């Protein structure tokens, strides 16, 4: 498996991302993740919509919590043609609990714990932790990646304005 170094740090310490990664302009790779009700969800389940993929290490950490709350608040402004999917390695039951405790009804939380299909497809698994790196993607309604932001420091928030502008442009 390919490995990428030098893209991401955790509290200043370099980490290794497993996988080759993707690039803007390519067709989004297929993946299967698990929904809060334990059903399998695929990229194809959201065809015809513009997608914002908000990738976080764990909803139970402060920055991931802030990021997901922010996208939950922003989702309504983007319109019904845009879906925000928050993907982490958290167990579906933990994601469901987090959504209930935070009244998160505008984002869809999905878990990559089972097959690591998303992590492999997008090259975002942190080798040292077994968690996903913090990243954002916008995929247009035709399934083409229009925007990528791999946050260089896992412990920092992403640039929200850039991803929201890319989502508005793609929808």
Protein backbone atom coordinates (compact mmCIF):
# COMPACT_ATOMS: atom_id res chain seq x y z
CA UNK A 1 0.00 0.00 0.00
CA UNK A 2 1.25 3.47 -0.86
CA UNK A 3 2.14 5.81 1.98
CA UNK A 4 2.30 9.60 2.03
CA UNK A 5 4.50 11.55 4.40
CA UNK A 6 4.82 15.27 5.02
CA UNK A 7 1.15 16.16 4.48
CA UNK A 8 -0.14 16.02 8.04
CA UNK A 9 1.07 16.48 11.59
CA UNK A 10 -0.55 15.73 14.93
CA UNK A 11 0.43 18.29 17.56
CA UNK A 12 3.48 19.08 15.44
CA UNK A 13 4.58 15.47 14.97
CA UNK A 14 4.54 14.12 11.40
CA UNK A 15 2.20 11.21 10.68
CA UNK A 16 1.92 8.87 7.71
CA UNK A 17 -1.20 8.63 5.57
CA UNK A 18 -1.88 5.23 4.05
CA UNK A 19 -2.99 5.21 0.42
CA UNK A 20 -2.25 7.15 -2.73
CA UNK A 21 -4.89 9.83 -2.22
CA UNK A 22 -7.10 11.43 -4.81
CA UNK A 23 -6.96 14.59 -6.91
CA UNK A 24 -9.36 17.35 -7.86
CA UNK A 25 -10.92 16.67 -11.25
CA UNK A 26 -11.02 12.89 -10.95
CA UNK A 27 -14.11 10.80 -10.43
CA UNK A 28 -14.65 10.16 -6.72
CA UNK A 29 -13.65 6.60 -5.86
CA UNK A 30 -16.35 4.22 -4.67
CA UNK A 31 -16.54 3.39 -0.98
CA UNK A 32 -18.85 1.70 1.52
CA UNK A 33 -19.39 3.02 5.04
CA UNK A 34 -21.81 2.21 7.86
CA UNK A 35 -24.76 4.41 8.83
CA UNK A 36 -26.00 4.94 12.39
CA UNK A 37 -28.61 2.21 11.88
CA UNK A 38 -25.83 -0.23 10.85
CA UNK A 39 -26.89 -0.23 7.19
CA UNK A 40 -24.27 -0.01 4.45
CA UNK A 41 -24.07 3.27 2.56
CA UNK A 42 -22.14 3.87 -0.63
CA UNK A 43 -21.18 6.88 -2.67
CA UNK A 44 -23.82 5.80 -5.19
CA UNK A 45 -26.54 6.27 -2.53
CA UNK A 46 -25.98 10.01 -2.87
CA UNK A 47 -25.78 10.24 -6.68
CA UNK A 48 -27.30 13.37 -8.17
CA UNK A 49 -26.39 15.47 -5.13
CA UNK A 50 -23.44 17.70 -4.45
CA UNK A 51 -21.59 16.23 -1.48
CA UNK A 52 -19.45 17.79 1.18
CA UNK A 53 -17.36 15.10 2.83
CA UNK A 54 -16.26 16.29 6.25
CA UNK A 55 -13.69 13.76 7.41
CA UNK A 56 -12.74 13.75 11.09
CA UNK A 57 -10.67 11.52 13.40
CA UNK A 58 -13.36 11.21 16.12
CA UNK A 59 -16.54 13.11 16.98
CA UNK A 60 -15.63 12.81 20.66
CA UNK A 61 -12.69 15.20 20.35
CA UNK A 62 -13.01 18.99 20.65
CA UNK A 63 -12.05 20.04 17.09
CA UNK A 64 -14.09 17.28 15.42
CA UNK A 65 -17.04 18.25 17.62
CA UNK A 66 -16.71 21.92 16.56
CA UNK A 67 -16.28 21.02 12.89
CA UNK A 68 -19.35 18.79 12.79
CA UNK A 69 -21.50 21.29 14.69
CA UNK A 70 -20.43 24.01 12.25
CA UNK A 71 -21.37 21.92 9.21
CA UNK A 72 -24.66 20.94 10.83
CA UNK A 73 -25.45 24.67 11.14
CA UNK A 74 -24.28 25.46 7.59
CA UNK A 75 -26.12 22.56 5.92
CA UNK A 76 -29.49 24.31 5.73
CA UNK A 77 -27.91 27.30 3.95
CA UNK A 78 -26.56 25.08 1.17
CA UNK A 79 -29.97 23.87 -0.02
CA UNK A 80 -31.55 20.49 -0.60
CA UNK A 81 -29.23 19.59 -3.49
CA UNK A 82 -26.25 19.42 -1.13
CA UNK A 83 -25.63 16.69 1.45
CA UNK A 84 -22.97 16.93 4.15
CA UNK A 85 -21.51 13.58 5.14
CA UNK A 86 -19.30 13.42 8.22
CA UNK A 87 -17.07 10.35 8.05
CA UNK A 88 -14.99 9.00 10.92
CA UNK A 89 -13.79 5.70 12.37
CA UNK A 90 -16.16 6.14 15.34
CA UNK A 91 -18.57 3.26 15.87
CA UNK A 92 -22.05 3.94 14.46
CA UNK A 93 -23.53 3.78 17.98
CA UNK A 94 -21.14 6.51 19.16
CA UNK A 95 -22.03 8.64 16.13
CA UNK A 96 -25.74 8.17 16.83
CA UNK A 97 -25.22 9.16 20.46
CA UNK A 98 -23.24 12.25 19.42
CA UNK A 99 -25.93 13.31 16.93
CA UNK A 100 -28.66 12.95 19.56
CA UNK A 101 -26.70 14.86 22.20
CA UNK A 102 -25.96 17.69 19.76
CA UNK A 103 -29.27 17.85 17.84
CA UNK A 104 -27.32 17.16 14.67
CA UNK A 105 -30.04 16.52 12.13
CA UNK A 106 -28.61 18.30 9.07
CA UNK A 107 -25.46 16.22 8.60
CA UNK A 108 -25.22 12.50 8.00
CA UNK A 109 -22.63 10.72 10.13
CA UNK A 110 -21.06 7.62 8.63
CA UNK A 111 -18.52 5.19 10.04
CA UNK A 112 -15.56 3.67 8.23
CA UNK A 113 -14.77 1.32 11.14
CA UNK A 114 -15.82 -1.90 9.45
CA UNK A 115 -14.06 -2.11 6.10
CA UNK A 116 -11.92 1.04 6.03
CA UNK A 117 -13.18 1.34 2.48
CA UNK A 118 -13.30 5.14 2.56
CA UNK A 119 -9.86 5.41 4.18
CA UNK A 120 -8.35 3.22 1.47
CA UNK A 121 -10.15 4.95 -1.40
CA UNK A 122 -9.17 8.46 -0.31
CA UNK A 123 -5.80 7.63 1.28
CA UNK A 124 -6.62 9.20 4.64
CA UNK A 125 -5.90 6.56 7.30
CA UNK A 126 -3.26 7.76 9.76
CA UNK A 127 -0.94 4.77 10.06
CA UNK A 128 0.16 5.56 13.62
CA UNK A 129 -3.39 5.99 15.00
CA UNK A 130 -5.74 3.95 12.83
CA UNK A 131 -7.93 7.05 12.54
CA UNK A 132 -8.82 9.26 9.59
CA UNK A 133 -6.98 12.51 8.95
CA UNK A 134 -9.01 15.74 9.01
CA UNK A 135 -10.00 16.53 5.44
CA UNK A 136 -12.78 18.05 3.34
CA UNK A 137 -13.98 17.25 -0.15
CA UNK A 138 -16.65 18.60 -2.45
CA UNK A 139 -17.99 16.14 -5.00
CA UNK A 140 -20.33 17.51 -7.66
CA UNK A 141 -23.59 15.87 -8.74
CA UNK A 142 -21.71 14.02 -11.50
CA UNK A 143 -19.37 12.40 -8.97
CA UNK A 144 -16.31 14.51 -9.80
CA UNK A 145 -14.11 15.86 -7.03
CA UNK A 146 -14.21 19.66 -7.20
CA UNK A 147 -12.37 20.51 -3.97
CA UNK A 148 -9.91 18.92 -1.56
CA UNK A 149 -8.57 20.23 1.73
CA UNK A 150 -6.34 17.99 3.82
CA UNK A 151 -5.85 19.94 7.02
CA UNK A 152 -2.09 20.00 7.67
CA UNK A 153 -2.42 19.86 11.47
CA UNK A 154 -4.98 17.32 12.72
CA UNK A 155 -5.56 19.34 15.90
CA UNK A 156 -6.69 22.46 13.96
CA UNK A 157 -10.01 23.38 12.38
CA UNK A 158 -10.31 23.43 8.59
CA UNK A 159 -10.88 26.48 6.42
CA UNK A 160 -14.68 26.46 6.45
CA UNK A 161 -15.14 29.40 4.08
CA UNK A 162 -13.24 27.75 1.23
CA UNK A 163 -15.15 24.46 1.38
CA UNK A 164 -18.52 26.19 1.72
CA UNK A 165 -17.74 28.39 -1.28
CA UNK A 166 -16.70 25.31 -3.29
CA UNK A 167 -19.94 23.53 -2.30
CA UNK A 168 -22.06 26.52 -3.33
CA UNK A 169 -20.24 26.75 -6.66
CA UNK A 170 -20.62 23.02 -7.36
CA UNK A 171 -24.35 22.85 -6.54
